[in-house]
Amino acid sequence: MKYVAVDFQTVKMYGYLDPAIVSDPLMKTNMEKMNAKYSPAGLYNDLLVEMTPDDFIHYEHTDGLNYVSTDIERYDELWQCAKYDKFGISLVTGVGAGAIIPRTDAHLFGSGENHFWNFAGWGCSGKIGLQINLTKLIYLQSDFKYGSLQMLNVHTSNHYGIDKATQHIVFYENYWQIGFRF
């Protein structure tokens, strides 16, 4: 999966900004400007802020929001052609779970980088689909997958022990496959 957070959108922010613990002068200045604009005490509880890329945040996972999962699937035959015994339709259902290992590109308060991959959380998903068996060896399949990702340790700056982000993502996808059995 890949995505880019839309710059200049208004979002709810939770947390605390303390410019006193930051050594980077650009970050410190931009944090002080943001606190002066939105919350002089630096406390953000359900406060609406604008995601400005130059002095607040630019955030994306275009180098990979890698969701590495294992799925368990079940195939139930719905219909089998009487004339051609290899032609039929099956219902596909399944569940999966796995780890999220992103490479986050975050620029926070004017400072940032494309971070190294890290274990950021976990996810789970469920799917349902149809498989059409065209011959004994070839099939066509369409699946609809719905899932949830919990990212509890997303890198946002070079201060890995001090700041991080958390994120919850809900996704759905539809995909088609042409398969070959051997």
C-alpha atoms as a PDB file:
ATOM      1  CA  MET A   1       0.000   0.000   0.000  1.00  0.00           C
ATOM      2  CA  LYS A   2       1.061   3.568  -0.615  1.00  0.00           C
ATOM      3  CA  TYR A   3      -0.406   6.900   0.386  1.00  0.00           C
ATOM      4  CA  VAL A   4       0.362  10.579   0.868  1.00  0.00           C
ATOM      5  CA  ALA A   5      -1.398  12.669   3.506  1.00  0.00           C
ATOM      6  CA  VAL A   6      -2.966  15.670   1.772  1.00  0.00           C
ATOM      7  CA  ASP A   7      -1.094  18.875   2.610  1.00  0.00           C
ATOM      8  CA  PHE A   8      -3.090  21.861   3.946  1.00  0.00           C
ATOM      9  CA  GLN A   9      -5.955  19.735   5.255  1.00  0.00           C
ATOM     10  CA  THR A  10      -7.363  20.349   8.729  1.00  0.00           C
ATOM     11  CA  VAL A  11      -6.930  17.451  11.170  1.00  0.00           C
ATOM     12  CA  LYS A  12      -7.544  16.740  14.856  1.00  0.00           C
ATOM     13  CA  MET A  13      -4.334  16.666  16.855  1.00  0.00           C
ATOM     14  CA  TYR A  14      -3.637  15.009  20.203  1.00  0.00           C
ATOM     15  CA  GLY A  15      -0.406  15.359  22.157  1.00  0.00           C
ATOM     16  CA  TYR A  16       2.055  17.799  23.640  1.00  0.00           C
ATOM     17  CA  LEU A  17       4.657  20.011  21.919  1.00  0.00           C
ATOM     18  CA  ASP A  18       7.601  21.091  24.079  1.00  0.00           C
ATOM     19  CA  PRO A  19      10.109  23.230  22.125  1.00  0.00           C
ATOM     20  CA  ALA A  20      12.495  23.130  25.135  1.00  0.00           C
ATOM     21  CA  ILE A  21      13.508  19.490  24.448  1.00  0.00           C
ATOM     22  CA  VAL A  22      14.352  20.072  20.765  1.00  0.00           C
ATOM     23  CA  SER A  23      17.935  20.860  19.765  1.00  0.00           C
ATOM     24  CA  ASP A  24      17.254  21.526  16.049  1.00  0.00           C
ATOM     25  CA  PRO A  25      16.778  25.347  15.762  1.00  0.00           C
ATOM     26  CA  LEU A  26      14.420  25.116  12.741  1.00  0.00           C
ATOM     27  CA  MET A  27      12.177  22.589  14.502  1.00  0.00           C
ATOM     28  CA  LYS A  28      12.217  24.645  17.711  1.00  0.00           C
ATOM     29  CA  THR A  29      11.206  27.857  15.893  1.00  0.00           C
ATOM     30  CA  ASN A  30       8.383  26.156  13.985  1.00  0.00           C
ATOM     31  CA  MET A  31       7.086  24.464  17.157  1.00  0.00           C
ATOM     32  CA  GLU A  32       7.005  27.817  18.945  1.00  0.00           C
ATOM     33  CA  LYS A  33       5.103  29.383  15.989  1.00  0.00           C
ATOM     34  CA  MET A  34       2.570  26.531  16.017  1.00  0.00           C
ATOM     35  CA  ASN A  35       2.045  26.775  19.779  1.00  0.00           C
ATOM     36  CA  ALA A  36       1.549  30.555  19.479  1.00  0.00           C
ATOM     37  CA  LYS A  37      -1.056  30.021  16.726  1.00  0.00           C
ATOM     38  CA  TYR A  38      -3.048  27.116  18.210  1.00  0.00           C
ATOM     39  CA  SER A  39      -2.177  26.348  21.848  1.00  0.00           C
ATOM     40  CA  PRO A  40       0.192  28.565  23.900  1.00  0.00           C
ATOM     41  CA  ALA A  41       0.575  25.792  26.523  1.00  0.00           C
ATOM     42  CA  GLY A  42       1.574  23.267  23.838  1.00  0.00           C
ATOM     43  CA  LEU A  43      -1.244  20.876  24.789  1.00  0.00           C
ATOM     44  CA  TYR A  44      -3.295  19.509  21.885  1.00  0.00           C
ATOM     45  CA  ASN A  45      -6.400  17.547  22.851  1.00  0.00           C
ATOM     46  CA  ASP A  46      -8.835  17.202  19.965  1.00  0.00           C
ATOM     47  CA  LEU A  47      -7.638  20.526  18.530  1.00  0.00           C
ATOM     48  CA  LEU A  48      -8.070  21.270  14.807  1.00  0.00           C
ATOM     49  CA  VAL A  49      -4.795  22.208  13.080  1.00  0.00           C
ATOM     50  CA  GLU A  50      -3.782  22.708   9.440  1.00  0.00           C
ATOM     51  CA  MET A  51      -1.171  20.321   7.963  1.00  0.00           C
ATOM     52  CA  THR A  52       1.192  22.873   6.413  1.00  0.00           C
ATOM     53  CA  PRO A  53       4.194  21.061   4.863  1.00  0.00           C
ATOM     54  CA  ASP A  54       6.854  23.737   5.393  1.00  0.00           C
ATOM     55  CA  ASP A  55       6.408  24.527   9.081  1.00  0.00           C
ATOM     56  CA  PHE A  56       4.314  21.635  10.468  1.00  0.00           C
ATOM     57  CA  ILE A  57       4.184  18.258   8.699  1.00  0.00           C
ATOM     58  CA  HIS A  58       4.434  16.480   5.367  1.00  0.00           C
ATOM     59  CA  TYR A  59       3.712  12.753   5.794  1.00  0.00           C
ATOM     60  CA  GLU A  60       3.689   9.849   3.355  1.00  0.00           C
ATOM     61  CA  HIS A  61       4.295   6.147   2.877  1.00  0.00           C
ATOM     62  CA  THR A  62       5.149   6.046  -0.836  1.00  0.00           C
ATOM     63  CA  ASP A  63       8.221   3.853  -0.355  1.00  0.00           C
ATOM     64  CA  GLY A  64       6.010   1.270   1.234  1.00  0.00           C
ATOM     65  CA  LEU A  65       3.394   0.823   3.878  1.00  0.00           C
ATOM     66  CA  ASN A  66       4.396  -2.817   3.969  1.00  0.00           C
ATOM     67  CA  TYR A  67       1.718  -5.044   5.468  1.00  0.00           C
ATOM     68  CA  VAL A  68       3.254  -8.522   5.641  1.00  0.00           C
ATOM     69  CA  SER A  69       0.460 -10.955   6.432  1.00  0.00           C
ATOM     70  CA  THR A  70      -0.467 -14.604   6.482  1.00  0.00           C
ATOM     71  CA  ASP A  71      -3.979 -15.553   5.378  1.00  0.00           C
ATOM     72  CA  ILE A  72      -6.050 -18.675   5.937  1.00  0.00           C
ATOM     73  CA  GLU A  73      -8.602 -19.378   3.181  1.00  0.00           C
ATOM     74  CA  ARG A  74     -11.569 -21.709   2.778  1.00  0.00           C
ATOM     75  CA  TYR A  75     -13.054 -22.783  -0.556  1.00  0.00           C
ATOM     76  CA  ASP A  76     -16.685 -23.961  -0.745  1.00  0.00           C
ATOM     77  CA  GLU A  77     -18.093 -25.288  -4.017  1.00  0.00           C
ATOM     78  CA  LEU A  78     -21.269 -23.425  -4.999  1.00  0.00           C
ATOM     79  CA  TRP A  79     -21.951 -24.945  -8.391  1.00  0.00           C
ATOM     80  CA  GLN A  80     -20.429 -27.628 -10.617  1.00  0.00           C
ATOM     81  CA  CYS A  81     -21.308 -28.024 -14.300  1.00  0.00           C
ATOM     82  CA  ALA A  82     -22.812 -31.454 -14.980  1.00  0.00           C
ATOM     83  CA  LYS A  83     -21.639 -31.587 -18.615  1.00  0.00           C
ATOM     84  CA  TYR A  84     -18.059 -30.305 -18.019  1.00  0.00           C
ATOM     85  CA  ASP A  85     -17.013 -31.568 -14.598  1.00  0.00           C
ATOM     86  CA  LYS A  86     -13.996 -29.231 -14.364  1.00  0.00           C
ATOM     87  CA  PHE A  87     -16.081 -26.040 -14.773  1.00  0.00           C
ATOM     88  CA  GLY A  88     -17.558 -24.634 -11.553  1.00  0.00           C
ATOM     89  CA  ILE A  89     -17.859 -21.754  -9.114  1.00  0.00           C
ATOM     90  CA  SER A  90     -16.538 -21.675  -5.547  1.00  0.00           C
ATOM     91  CA  LEU A  91     -16.968 -19.237  -2.663  1.00  0.00           C
ATOM     92  CA  VAL A  92     -13.660 -18.068  -1.157  1.00  0.00           C
ATOM     93  CA  THR A  93     -13.516 -16.789   2.428  1.00  0.00           C
ATOM     94  CA  GLY A  94     -10.539 -16.018   4.614  1.00  0.00           C
ATOM     95  CA  VAL A  95      -8.898 -14.114   7.443  1.00  0.00           C
ATOM     96  CA  GLY A  96      -5.376 -12.797   7.845  1.00  0.00           C
ATOM     97  CA  ALA A  97      -3.053 -11.047  10.265  1.00  0.00           C
ATOM     98  CA  GLY A  98       0.431  -9.645  10.107  1.00  0.00           C
ATOM     99  CA  ALA A  99       3.041  -6.997  10.817  1.00  0.00           C
ATOM    100  CA  ILE A 100       3.363  -3.469   9.421  1.00  0.00           C
ATOM    101  CA  ILE A 101       6.914  -2.512   8.433  1.00  0.00           C
ATOM    102  CA  PRO A 102       6.728   0.942   6.795  1.00  0.00           C
ATOM    103  CA  ARG A 103       9.335   3.269   5.408  1.00  0.00           C
ATOM    104  CA  THR A 104       7.891   6.608   6.472  1.00  0.00           C
ATOM    105  CA  ASP A 105       8.778   9.876   4.762  1.00  0.00           C
ATOM    106  CA  ALA A 106       7.982  12.478   7.419  1.00  0.00           C
ATOM    107  CA  HIS A 107       9.046  16.096   7.568  1.00  0.00           C
ATOM    108  CA  LEU A 108       8.060  17.459  10.953  1.00  0.00           C
ATOM    109  CA  PHE A 109       8.427  21.167  11.746  1.00  0.00           C
ATOM    110  CA  GLY A 110      10.682  21.709   8.730  1.00  0.00           C
ATOM    111  CA  SER A 111      13.057  18.871   9.533  1.00  0.00           C
ATOM    112  CA  GLY A 112      12.849  15.257   8.478  1.00  0.00           C
ATOM    113  CA  GLU A 113      13.861  12.473   6.174  1.00  0.00           C
ATOM    114  CA  ASN A 114      12.845   9.237   4.563  1.00  0.00           C
ATOM    115  CA  HIS A 115      13.234   6.914   7.561  1.00  0.00           C
ATOM    116  CA  PHE A 116      14.470   3.339   7.586  1.00  0.00           C
ATOM    117  CA  TRP A 117      12.016   0.459   7.762  1.00  0.00           C
ATOM    118  CA  ASN A 118      10.778  -0.336  11.252  1.00  0.00           C
ATOM    119  CA  PHE A 119       8.201  -2.529  12.928  1.00  0.00           C
ATOM    120  CA  ALA A 120       5.360  -0.050  13.446  1.00  0.00           C
ATOM    121  CA  GLY A 121       2.391  -2.214  14.388  1.00  0.00           C
ATOM    122  CA  TRP A 122       0.018  -4.936  13.264  1.00  0.00           C
ATOM    123  CA  GLY A 123      -3.019  -5.507  11.106  1.00  0.00           C
ATOM    124  CA  CYS A 124      -5.829  -7.955  10.468  1.00  0.00           C
ATOM    125  CA  SER A 125      -8.177  -8.514   7.544  1.00  0.00           C
ATOM    126  CA  GLY A 126     -11.030 -10.618   6.214  1.00  0.00           C
ATOM    127  CA  LYS A 127     -11.981 -11.428   2.648  1.00  0.00           C
ATOM    128  CA  ILE A 128     -14.691 -12.954   0.521  1.00  0.00           C
ATOM    129  CA  GLY A 129     -14.667 -13.760  -3.179  1.00  0.00           C
ATOM    130  CA  LEU A 130     -15.613 -16.030  -6.034  1.00  0.00           C
ATOM    131  CA  GLN A 131     -13.430 -18.453  -7.925  1.00  0.00           C
ATOM    132  CA  ILE A 132     -14.487 -19.621 -11.393  1.00  0.00           C
ATOM    133  CA  ASN A 133     -12.784 -22.851 -12.405  1.00  0.00           C
ATOM    134  CA  LEU A 134     -12.450 -22.637 -16.193  1.00  0.00           C
ATOM    135  CA  THR A 135     -10.568 -25.929 -16.638  1.00  0.00           C
ATOM    136  CA  LYS A 136      -8.878 -28.434 -14.371  1.00  0.00           C
ATOM    137  CA  LEU A 137      -5.770 -26.174 -14.342  1.00  0.00           C
ATOM    138  CA  ILE A 138      -6.941 -22.570 -14.945  1.00  0.00           C
ATOM    139  CA  TYR A 139      -9.176 -20.389 -12.775  1.00  0.00           C
ATOM    140  CA  LEU A 140     -10.337 -16.771 -12.512  1.00  0.00           C
ATOM    141  CA  GLN A 141     -10.836 -15.289  -9.037  1.00  0.00           C
ATOM    142  CA  SER A 142     -12.132 -11.988  -7.632  1.00  0.00           C
ATOM    143  CA  ASP A 143     -11.740 -11.130  -3.934  1.00  0.00           C
ATOM    144  CA  PHE A 144     -12.932  -8.254  -1.777  1.00  0.00           C
ATOM    145  CA  LYS A 145     -10.681  -7.642   1.245  1.00  0.00           C
ATOM    146  CA  TYR A 146     -11.409  -5.404   4.256  1.00  0.00           C
ATOM    147  CA  GLY A 147      -8.889  -4.748   7.011  1.00  0.00           C
ATOM    148  CA  SER A 148      -7.632  -2.618   9.853  1.00  0.00           C
ATOM    149  CA  LEU A 149      -4.050  -1.525  10.583  1.00  0.00           C
ATOM    150  CA  GLN A 150      -2.837  -0.316  13.991  1.00  0.00           C
ATOM    151  CA  MET A 151       0.429   1.603  13.725  1.00  0.00           C
ATOM    152  CA  LEU A 152       1.741   2.407  17.206  1.00  0.00           C
ATOM    153  CA  ASN A 153       5.362   3.368  16.414  1.00  0.00           C
ATOM    154  CA  VAL A 154       5.663   5.501  13.265  1.00  0.00           C
ATOM    155  CA  HIS A 155       8.952   7.417  13.000  1.00  0.00           C
ATOM    156  CA  THR A 156       8.434  11.170  12.593  1.00  0.00           C
ATOM    157  CA  SER A 157      11.924  12.599  13.212  1.00  0.00           C
ATOM    158  CA  ASN A 158      15.445  11.508  14.103  1.00  0.00           C
ATOM    159  CA  HIS A 159      14.494  11.465  17.802  1.00  0.00           C
ATOM    160  CA  TYR A 160      13.177   7.884  17.844  1.00  0.00           C
ATOM    161  CA  GLY A 161      12.974   7.639  21.629  1.00  0.00           C
ATOM    162  CA  ILE A 162      11.168  10.958  22.061  1.00  0.00           C
ATOM    163  CA  ASP A 163       8.660  11.427  19.272  1.00  0.00           C
ATOM    164  CA  LYS A 164       6.592   9.060  17.243  1.00  0.00           C
ATOM    165  CA  ALA A 165       3.149   8.980  15.705  1.00  0.00           C
ATOM    166  CA  THR A 166       0.296   6.521  16.009  1.00  0.00           C
ATOM    167  CA  GLN A 167      -2.135   5.861  13.211  1.00  0.00           C
ATOM    168  CA  HIS A 168      -5.185   3.703  12.543  1.00  0.00           C
ATOM    169  CA  ILE A 169      -5.998   2.806   8.924  1.00  0.00           C
ATOM    170  CA  VAL A 170      -9.075   1.009   7.613  1.00  0.00           C
ATOM    171  CA  PHE A 171      -8.754  -0.326   4.073  1.00  0.00           C
ATOM    172  CA  TYR A 172     -10.672  -2.242   1.471  1.00  0.00           C
ATOM    173  CA  GLU A 173      -9.522  -3.606  -1.838  1.00  0.00           C
ATOM    174  CA  ASN A 174     -10.888  -5.606  -4.727  1.00  0.00           C
ATOM    175  CA  TYR A 175      -8.494  -7.634  -6.813  1.00  0.00           C
ATOM    176  CA  TRP A 176      -8.707 -10.097  -9.677  1.00  0.00           C
ATOM    177  CA  GLN A 177      -6.469 -13.071 -10.373  1.00  0.00           C
ATOM    178  CA  ILE A 178      -5.898 -15.527 -13.171  1.00  0.00           C
ATOM    179  CA  GLY A 179      -4.428 -18.671 -11.682  1.00  0.00           C
ATOM    180  CA  PHE A 180      -2.863 -21.912 -12.745  1.00  0.00           C
ATOM    181  CA  ARG A 181      -2.963 -25.120 -10.672  1.00  0.00           C
ATOM    182  CA  PHE A 182      -0.165 -27.626 -11.000  1.00  0.00           C
END
